[in-house]
Amino acid sequence: MKIDNEAFYDENIAPLMAQIIDLCEERDIPHVCVFQLQNKEANDGDPLCCSTVRVNEKNTTPAIMKAYRAIRPEHQVFAFTIVTDLKK
């Protein structure tokens, strides 16, 4: 049975996480938070996950750094799309 909680996360959890992230940034609080939004069986590859991480190797405990390294993908790809109005 496929369980997809993406819409539920977007509507209910994401706004709360935005508040938590802002509060953690204010106080420089390291954290690792991961949500698995699909069953593992629902996907041929990795299930859809959403995570937020705030670490600073100078003041983060070894346990938090270990959790961070456990969820960090081996290869990270960042993509940006910049759209401008060329009619101006």
PDB file of N, CA and C in Angstrom:
ATOM      1  N   MET A   1       0.840  -1.187   0.000  1.00  0.00           N
ATOM      2  CA  MET A   1       0.000   0.000   0.000  1.00  0.00           C
ATOM      3  C   MET A   1       0.879   1.242   0.000  1.00  0.00           C
ATOM      4  N   LYS A   2       0.628   2.125  -0.941  1.00  0.00           N
ATOM      5  CA  LYS A   2       1.413   3.344  -1.056  1.00  0.00           C
ATOM      6  C   LYS A   2       0.876   4.399  -0.099  1.00  0.00           C
ATOM      7  N   ILE A   3       1.767   4.924   0.713  1.00  0.00           N
ATOM      8  CA  ILE A   3       1.399   6.028   1.591  1.00  0.00           C
ATOM      9  C   ILE A   3       2.255   7.220   1.192  1.00  0.00           C
ATOM     10  N   ASP A   4       1.602   8.309   0.798  1.00  0.00           N
ATOM     11  CA  ASP A   4       2.304   9.510   0.381  1.00  0.00           C
ATOM     12  C   ASP A   4       1.792  10.661   1.234  1.00  0.00           C
ATOM     13  N   ASN A   5       2.649  11.141   2.096  1.00  0.00           N
ATOM     14  CA  ASN A   5       2.265  12.201   3.019  1.00  0.00           C
ATOM     15  C   ASN A   5       2.790  13.566   2.611  1.00  0.00           C
ATOM     16  N   GLU A   6       3.178  13.723   1.351  1.00  0.00           N
ATOM     17  CA  GLU A   6       3.777  14.982   0.912  1.00  0.00           C
ATOM     18  C   GLU A   6       2.821  16.164   1.103  1.00  0.00           C
ATOM     19  N   ALA A   7       1.585  16.038   0.662  1.00  0.00           N
ATOM     20  CA  ALA A   7       0.624  17.143   0.797  1.00  0.00           C
ATOM     21  C   ALA A   7       0.344  17.443   2.272  1.00  0.00           C
ATOM     22  N   PHE A   8       0.225  16.392   3.083  1.00  0.00           N
ATOM     23  CA  PHE A   8       0.006  16.581   4.514  1.00  0.00           C
ATOM     24  C   PHE A   8       1.186  17.327   5.138  1.00  0.00           C
ATOM     25  N   TYR A   9       2.407  16.919   4.777  1.00  0.00           N
ATOM     26  CA  TYR A   9       3.603  17.597   5.287  1.00  0.00           C
ATOM     27  C   TYR A   9       3.590  19.074   4.880  1.00  0.00           C
ATOM     28  N   ASP A  10       3.349  19.317   3.592  1.00  0.00           N
ATOM     29  CA  ASP A  10       3.368  20.692   3.081  1.00  0.00           C
ATOM     30  C   ASP A  10       2.357  21.580   3.802  1.00  0.00           C
ATOM     31  N   GLU A  11       1.191  21.041   4.082  1.00  0.00           N
ATOM     32  CA  GLU A  11       0.126  21.841   4.688  1.00  0.00           C
ATOM     33  C   GLU A  11       0.272  21.988   6.196  1.00  0.00           C
ATOM     34  N   ASN A  12       0.692  20.939   6.880  1.00  0.00           N
ATOM     35  CA  ASN A  12       0.654  20.939   8.343  1.00  0.00           C
ATOM     36  C   ASN A  12       2.010  21.047   9.035  1.00  0.00           C
ATOM     37  N   ILE A  13       3.004  20.375   8.512  1.00  0.00           N
ATOM     38  CA  ILE A  13       4.293  20.298   9.208  1.00  0.00           C
ATOM     39  C   ILE A  13       5.258  21.380   8.741  1.00  0.00           C
ATOM     40  N   ALA A  14       5.307  21.647   7.441  1.00  0.00           N
ATOM     41  CA  ALA A  14       6.260  22.627   6.905  1.00  0.00           C
ATOM     42  C   ALA A  14       6.144  24.001   7.573  1.00  0.00           C
ATOM     43  N   PRO A  15       4.926  24.528   7.799  1.00  0.00           N
ATOM     44  CA  PRO A  15       4.854  25.838   8.471  1.00  0.00           C
ATOM     45  C   PRO A  15       5.431  25.798   9.894  1.00  0.00           C
ATOM     46  N   LEU A  16       5.215  24.702  10.594  1.00  0.00           N
ATOM     47  CA  LEU A  16       5.780  24.561  11.938  1.00  0.00           C
ATOM     48  C   LEU A  16       7.294  24.438  11.877  1.00  0.00           C
ATOM     49  N   MET A  17       7.792  23.687  10.896  1.00  0.00           N
ATOM     50  CA  MET A  17       9.240  23.539  10.748  1.00  0.00           C
ATOM     51  C   MET A  17       9.895  24.873  10.422  1.00  0.00           C
ATOM     52  N   ALA A  18       9.222  25.700   9.636  1.00  0.00           N
ATOM     53  CA  ALA A  18       9.769  27.024   9.321  1.00  0.00           C
ATOM     54  C   ALA A  18       9.948  27.835  10.603  1.00  0.00           C
ATOM     55  N   GLN A  19       8.982  27.751  11.501  1.00  0.00           N
ATOM     56  CA  GLN A  19       9.096  28.449  12.793  1.00  0.00           C
ATOM     57  C   GLN A  19      10.240  27.872  13.623  1.00  0.00           C
ATOM     58  N   ILE A  20      10.337  26.554  13.662  1.00  0.00           N
ATOM     59  CA  ILE A  20      11.395  25.895  14.440  1.00  0.00           C
ATOM     60  C   ILE A  20      12.767  26.279  13.884  1.00  0.00           C
ATOM     61  N   ILE A  21      12.909  26.268  12.573  1.00  0.00           N
ATOM     62  CA  ILE A  21      14.187  26.621  11.952  1.00  0.00           C
ATOM     63  C   ILE A  21      14.568  28.056  12.301  1.00  0.00           C
ATOM     64  N   ASP A  22      13.614  28.977  12.212  1.00  0.00           N
ATOM     65  CA  ASP A  22      13.887  30.370  12.563  1.00  0.00           C
ATOM     66  C   ASP A  22      14.342  30.505  14.011  1.00  0.00           C
ATOM     67  N   LEU A  23      13.666  29.813  14.924  1.00  0.00           N
ATOM     68  CA  LEU A  23      14.040  29.865  16.341  1.00  0.00           C
ATOM     69  C   LEU A  23      15.429  29.278  16.574  1.00  0.00           C
ATOM     70  N   CYS A  24      15.723  28.177  15.893  1.00  0.00           N
ATOM     71  CA  CYS A  24      17.046  27.564  16.030  1.00  0.00           C
ATOM     72  C   CYS A  24      18.136  28.478  15.488  1.00  0.00           C
ATOM     73  N   GLU A  25      17.846  29.185  14.409  1.00  0.00           N
ATOM     74  CA  GLU A  25      18.830  30.116  13.855  1.00  0.00           C
ATOM     75  C   GLU A  25      19.086  31.275  14.817  1.00  0.00           C
ATOM     76  N   GLU A  26      18.034  31.776  15.454  1.00  0.00           N
ATOM     77  CA  GLU A  26      18.179  32.869  16.423  1.00  0.00           C
ATOM     78  C   GLU A  26      19.153  32.505  17.540  1.00  0.00           C
ATOM     79  N   ARG A  27      19.068  31.279  18.006  1.00  0.00           N
ATOM     80  CA  ARG A  27      19.870  30.842  19.157  1.00  0.00           C
ATOM     81  C   ARG A  27      21.041  29.952  18.774  1.00  0.00           C
ATOM     82  N   ASP A  28      21.269  29.758  17.483  1.00  0.00           N
ATOM     83  CA  ASP A  28      22.349  28.899  16.983  1.00  0.00           C
ATOM     84  C   ASP A  28      22.257  27.498  17.595  1.00  0.00           C
ATOM     85  N   ILE A  29      21.065  26.906  17.495  1.00  0.00           N
ATOM     86  CA  ILE A  29      20.812  25.571  18.044  1.00  0.00           C
ATOM     87  C   ILE A  29      20.989  24.530  16.940  1.00  0.00           C
ATOM     88  N   PRO A  30      22.001  23.669  17.066  1.00  0.00           N
ATOM     89  CA  PRO A  30      22.189  22.606  16.073  1.00  0.00           C
ATOM     90  C   PRO A  30      21.036  21.595  16.138  1.00  0.00           C
ATOM     91  N   HIS A  31      20.664  21.069  14.985  1.00  0.00           N
ATOM     92  CA  HIS A  31      19.602  20.062  14.956  1.00  0.00           C
ATOM     93  C   HIS A  31      19.659  19.264  13.663  1.00  0.00           C
ATOM     94  N   VAL A  32      19.070  18.086  13.722  1.00  0.00           N
ATOM     95  CA  VAL A  32      18.880  17.230  12.564  1.00  0.00           C
ATOM     96  C   VAL A  32      17.446  16.724  12.639  1.00  0.00           C
ATOM     97  N   CYS A  33      16.690  16.940  11.583  1.00  0.00           N
ATOM     98  CA  CYS A  33      15.288  16.510  11.570  1.00  0.00           C
ATOM     99  C   CYS A  33      14.981  15.916  10.195  1.00  0.00           C
ATOM    100  N   VAL A  34      14.431  14.698  10.187  1.00  0.00           N
ATOM    101  CA  VAL A  34      14.138  14.012   8.926  1.00  0.00           C
ATOM    102  C   VAL A  34      12.721  13.462   8.962  1.00  0.00           C
ATOM    103  N   PHE A  35      12.000  13.662   7.873  1.00  0.00           N
ATOM    104  CA  PHE A  35      10.658  13.114   7.723  1.00  0.00           C
ATOM    105  C   PHE A  35      10.644  12.229   6.490  1.00  0.00           C
ATOM    106  N   GLN A  36      10.176  11.011   6.627  1.00  0.00           N
ATOM    107  CA  GLN A  36      10.005  10.105   5.489  1.00  0.00           C
ATOM    108  C   GLN A  36       8.552  10.203   5.069  1.00  0.00           C
ATOM    109  N   LEU A  37       8.316  10.681   3.857  1.00  0.00           N
ATOM    110  CA  LEU A  37       6.960  10.978   3.403  1.00  0.00           C
ATOM    111  C   LEU A  37       6.329   9.883   2.560  1.00  0.00           C
ATOM    112  N   GLN A  38       7.089   8.860   2.218  1.00  0.00           N
ATOM    113  CA  GLN A  38       6.552   7.732   1.459  1.00  0.00           C
ATOM    114  C   GLN A  38       7.057   6.451   2.086  1.00  0.00           C
ATOM    115  N   ASN A  39       6.270   5.379   1.893  1.00  0.00           N
ATOM    116  CA  ASN A  39       6.755   4.057   2.286  1.00  0.00           C
ATOM    117  C   ASN A  39       7.957   3.689   1.439  1.00  0.00           C
ATOM    118  N   LYS A  40       8.843   2.951   2.018  1.00  0.00           N
ATOM    119  CA  LYS A  40      10.010   2.477   1.271  1.00  0.00           C
ATOM    120  C   LYS A  40       9.568   1.627   0.081  1.00  0.00           C
ATOM    121  N   GLU A  41       8.518   0.840   0.274  1.00  0.00           N
ATOM    122  CA  GLU A  41       8.042  -0.058  -0.771  1.00  0.00           C
ATOM    123  C   GLU A  41       7.362   0.692  -1.915  1.00  0.00           C
ATOM    124  N   ALA A  42       6.979   1.947  -1.694  1.00  0.00           N
ATOM    125  CA  ALA A  42       6.220   2.692  -2.697  1.00  0.00           C
ATOM    126  C   ALA A  42       7.097   3.228  -3.822  1.00  0.00           C
ATOM    127  N   ASN A  43       8.378   3.070  -3.695  1.00  0.00           N
ATOM    128  CA  ASN A  43       9.281   3.685  -4.638  1.00  0.00           C
ATOM    129  C   ASN A  43      10.370   2.680  -5.019  1.00  0.00           C
ATOM    130  N   ASP A  44      10.758   2.653  -6.267  1.00  0.00           N
ATOM    131  CA  ASP A  44      11.841   1.760  -6.688  1.00  0.00           C
ATOM    132  C   ASP A  44      13.178   2.201  -6.111  1.00  0.00           C
ATOM    133  N   GLY A  45      13.348   3.513  -5.933  1.00  0.00           N
ATOM    134  CA  GLY A  45      14.573   4.055  -5.358  1.00  0.00           C
ATOM    135  C   GLY A  45      14.342   4.402  -3.902  1.00  0.00           C
ATOM    136  N   ASP A  46      14.922   5.492  -3.484  1.00  0.00           N
ATOM    137  CA  ASP A  46      14.746   5.944  -2.118  1.00  0.00           C
ATOM    138  C   ASP A  46      13.388   6.614  -1.970  1.00  0.00           C
ATOM    139  N   PRO A  47      12.738   6.441  -0.823  1.00  0.00           N
ATOM    140  CA  PRO A  47      11.461   7.112  -0.613  1.00  0.00           C
ATOM    141  C   PRO A  47      11.665   8.615  -0.466  1.00  0.00           C
ATOM    142  N   LEU A  48      10.608   9.372  -0.737  1.00  0.00           N
ATOM    143  CA  LEU A  48      10.655  10.826  -0.595  1.00  0.00           C
ATOM    144  C   LEU A  48      10.844  11.195   0.867  1.00  0.00           C
ATOM    145  N   CYS A  49      11.841  12.007   1.129  1.00  0.00           N
ATOM    146  CA  CYS A  49      12.118  12.470   2.485  1.00  0.00           C
ATOM    147  C   CYS A  49      12.299  13.976   2.471  1.00  0.00           C
ATOM    148  N   CYS A  50      12.087  14.581   3.601  1.00  0.00           N
ATOM    149  CA  CYS A  50      12.323  16.000   3.781  1.00  0.00           C
ATOM    150  C   CYS A  50      13.158  16.142   5.042  1.00  0.00           C
ATOM    151  N   SER A  51      14.222  16.925   4.968  1.00  0.00           N
ATOM    152  CA  SER A  51      15.081  17.064   6.140  1.00  0.00           C
ATOM    153  C   SER A  51      15.546  18.498   6.304  1.00  0.00           C
ATOM    154  N   THR A  52      15.874  18.831   7.527  1.00  0.00           N
ATOM    155  CA  THR A  52      16.510  20.103   7.827  1.00  0.00           C
ATOM    156  C   THR A  52      17.654  19.815   8.791  1.00  0.00           C
ATOM    157  N   VAL A  53      18.757  20.476   8.539  1.00  0.00           N
ATOM    158  CA  VAL A  53      19.958  20.242   9.341  1.00  0.00           C
ATOM    159  C   VAL A  53      20.604  21.589   9.635  1.00  0.00           C
ATOM    160  N   ARG A  54      20.998  21.760  10.860  1.00  0.00           N
ATOM    161  CA  ARG A  54      21.798  22.932  11.238  1.00  0.00           C
ATOM    162  C   ARG A  54      22.920  22.406  12.125  1.00  0.00           C
ATOM    163  N   VAL A  55      24.123  22.424  11.598  1.00  0.00           N
ATOM    164  CA  VAL A  55      25.272  21.955  12.366  1.00  0.00           C
ATOM    165  C   VAL A  55      26.403  22.964  12.240  1.00  0.00           C
ATOM    166  N   ASN A  56      27.232  22.945  13.241  1.00  0.00           N
ATOM    167  CA  ASN A  56      28.443  23.747  13.267  1.00  0.00           C
ATOM    168  C   ASN A  56      29.467  22.866  13.954  1.00  0.00           C
ATOM    169  N   GLU A  57      30.452  22.427  13.231  1.00  0.00           N
ATOM    170  CA  GLU A  57      31.387  21.437  13.783  1.00  0.00           C
ATOM    171  C   GLU A  57      32.078  21.929  15.045  1.00  0.00           C
ATOM    172  N   LYS A  58      32.109  23.234  15.283  1.00  0.00           N
ATOM    173  CA  LYS A  58      32.768  23.773  16.473  1.00  0.00           C
ATOM    174  C   LYS A  58      31.933  23.583  17.739  1.00  0.00           C
ATOM    175  N   ASN A  59      30.601  23.645  17.615  1.00  0.00           N
ATOM    176  CA  ASN A  59      29.784  23.576  18.832  1.00  0.00           C
ATOM    177  C   ASN A  59      28.682  22.520  18.793  1.00  0.00           C
ATOM    178  N   THR A  60      28.757  21.584  17.853  1.00  0.00           N
ATOM    179  CA  THR A  60      27.743  20.533  17.746  1.00  0.00           C
ATOM    180  C   THR A  60      28.293  19.249  18.366  1.00  0.00           C
ATOM    181  N   THR A  61      27.459  18.569  19.135  1.00  0.00           N
ATOM    182  CA  THR A  61      27.902  17.338  19.796  1.00  0.00           C
ATOM    183  C   THR A  61      28.208  16.246  18.772  1.00  0.00           C
ATOM    184  N   PRO A  62      29.058  15.299  19.146  1.00  0.00           N
ATOM    185  CA  PRO A  62      29.351  14.183  18.237  1.00  0.00           C
ATOM    186  C   PRO A  62      28.096  13.410  17.820  1.00  0.00           C
ATOM    187  N   ALA A  63      27.124  13.279  18.701  1.00  0.00           N
ATOM    188  CA  ALA A  63      25.898  12.544  18.363  1.00  0.00           C
ATOM    189  C   ALA A  63      25.126  13.239  17.249  1.00  0.00           C
ATOM    190  N   ILE A  64      25.018  14.563  17.315  1.00  0.00           N
ATOM    191  CA  ILE A  64      24.320  15.310  16.260  1.00  0.00           C
ATOM    192  C   ILE A  64      25.096  15.210  14.953  1.00  0.00           C
ATOM    193  N   MET A  65      26.418  15.320  15.017  1.00  0.00           N
ATOM    194  CA  MET A  65      27.229  15.204  13.802  1.00  0.00           C
ATOM    195  C   MET A  65      27.101  13.810  13.193  1.00  0.00           C
ATOM    196  N   LYS A  66      27.022  12.783  14.027  1.00  0.00           N
ATOM    197  CA  LYS A  66      26.857  11.410  13.533  1.00  0.00           C
ATOM    198  C   LYS A  66      25.507  11.263  12.821  1.00  0.00           C
ATOM    199  N   ALA A  67      24.447  11.832  13.415  1.00  0.00           N
ATOM    200  CA  ALA A  67      23.124  11.785  12.787  1.00  0.00           C
ATOM    201  C   ALA A  67      23.142  12.538  11.455  1.00  0.00           C
ATOM    202  N   TYR A  68      23.789  13.673  11.437  1.00  0.00           N
ATOM    203  CA  TYR A  68      23.905  14.463  10.208  1.00  0.00           C
ATOM    204  C   TYR A  68      24.604  13.661   9.115  1.00  0.00           C
ATOM    205  N   ARG A  69      25.712  13.038   9.448  1.00  0.00           N
ATOM    206  CA  ARG A  69      26.457  12.257   8.455  1.00  0.00           C
ATOM    207  C   ARG A  69      25.666  11.032   7.987  1.00  0.00           C
ATOM    208  N   ALA A  70      24.827  10.495   8.862  1.00  0.00           N
ATOM    209  CA  ALA A  70      24.032   9.323   8.500  1.00  0.00           C
ATOM    210  C   ALA A  70      22.982   9.649   7.446  1.00  0.00           C
ATOM    211  N   ILE A  71      22.427  10.852   7.466  1.00  0.00           N
ATOM    212  CA  ILE A  71      21.372  11.195   6.501  1.00  0.00           C
ATOM    213  C   ILE A  71      21.882  11.977   5.307  1.00  0.00           C
ATOM    214  N   ARG A  72      23.103  12.482   5.390  1.00  0.00           N
ATOM    215  CA  ARG A  72      23.646  13.288   4.296  1.00  0.00           C
ATOM    216  C   ARG A  72      23.934  12.378   3.108  1.00  0.00           C
ATOM    217  N   PRO A  73      23.389  12.714   1.955  1.00  0.00           N
ATOM    218  CA  PRO A  73      23.697  11.907   0.769  1.00  0.00           C
ATOM    219  C   PRO A  73      25.183  11.986   0.446  1.00  0.00           C
ATOM    220  N   GLU A  74      25.690  10.912  -0.149  1.00  0.00           N
ATOM    221  CA  GLU A  74      27.100  10.915  -0.542  1.00  0.00           C
ATOM    222  C   GLU A  74      27.370  11.975  -1.592  1.00  0.00           C
ATOM    223  N   HIS A  75      26.444  12.136  -2.519  1.00  0.00           N
ATOM    224  CA  HIS A  75      26.606  13.126  -3.577  1.00  0.00           C
ATOM    225  C   HIS A  75      25.460  14.121  -3.457  1.00  0.00           C
ATOM    226  N   GLN A  76      25.804  15.367  -3.379  1.00  0.00           N
ATOM    227  CA  GLN A  76      24.780  16.393  -3.301  1.00  0.00           C
ATOM    228  C   GLN A  76      24.781  17.191  -4.591  1.00  0.00           C
ATOM    229  N   VAL A  77      23.588  17.463  -5.089  1.00  0.00           N
ATOM    230  CA  VAL A  77      23.444  18.246  -6.295  1.00  0.00           C
ATOM    231  C   VAL A  77      22.544  19.422  -5.957  1.00  0.00           C
ATOM    232  N   PHE A  78      23.009  20.589  -6.271  1.00  0.00           N
ATOM    233  CA  PHE A  78      22.220  21.784  -6.052  1.00  0.00           C
ATOM    234  C   PHE A  78      21.927  22.401  -7.409  1.00  0.00           C
ATOM    235  N   ALA A  79      20.696  22.743  -7.640  1.00  0.00           N
ATOM    236  CA  ALA A  79      20.311  23.354  -8.904  1.00  0.00           C
ATOM    237  C   ALA A  79      19.535  24.636  -8.624  1.00  0.00           C
ATOM    238  N   PHE A  80      19.821  25.631  -9.390  1.00  0.00           N
ATOM    239  CA  PHE A  80      19.137  26.906  -9.254  1.00  0.00           C
ATOM    240  C   PHE A  80      18.586  27.294 -10.608  1.00  0.00           C
ATOM    241  N   THR A  81      17.399  27.859 -10.609  1.00  0.00           N
ATOM    242  CA  THR A  81      16.819  28.406 -11.817  1.00  0.00           C
ATOM    243  C   THR A  81      16.550  29.880 -11.585  1.00  0.00           C
ATOM    244  N   ILE A  82      17.110  30.709 -12.427  1.00  0.00           N
ATOM    245  CA  ILE A  82      16.894  32.146 -12.307  1.00  0.00           C
ATOM    246  C   ILE A  82      16.086  32.580 -13.506  1.00  0.00           C
ATOM    247  N   VAL A  83      14.926  33.162 -13.224  1.00  0.00           N
ATOM    248  CA  VAL A  83      14.040  33.610 -14.288  1.00  0.00           C
ATOM    249  C   VAL A  83      13.966  35.123 -14.219  1.00  0.00           C
ATOM    250  N   THR A  84      14.194  35.756 -15.340  1.00  0.00           N
ATOM    251  CA  THR A  84      14.106  37.216 -15.392  1.00  0.00           C
ATOM    252  C   THR A  84      13.124  37.602 -16.490  1.00  0.00           C
ATOM    253  N   ASP A  85      12.591  38.769 -16.333  1.00  0.00           N
ATOM    254  CA  ASP A  85      11.675  39.288 -17.353  1.00  0.00           C
ATOM    255  C   ASP A  85      12.521  39.992 -18.399  1.00  0.00           C
ATOM    256  N   LEU A  86      12.705  39.352 -19.539  1.00  0.00           N
ATOM    257  CA  LEU A  86      13.560  39.902 -20.590  1.00  0.00           C
ATOM    258  C   LEU A  86      12.862  40.955 -21.422  1.00  0.00           C
ATOM    259  N   LYS A  87      11.574  41.187 -21.176  1.00  0.00           N
ATOM    260  CA  LYS A  87      10.803  42.167 -21.955  1.00  0.00           C
ATOM    261  C   LYS A  87      11.113  43.597 -21.535  1.00  0.00           C
ATOM    262  N   LYS A  88      11.700  43.792 -20.380  1.00  0.00           N
ATOM    263  CA  LYS A  88      11.975  45.155 -19.882  1.00  0.00           C
ATOM    264  C   LYS A  88      13.129  45.789 -20.608  1.00  0.00           C
TER     265      LYS A  88
END
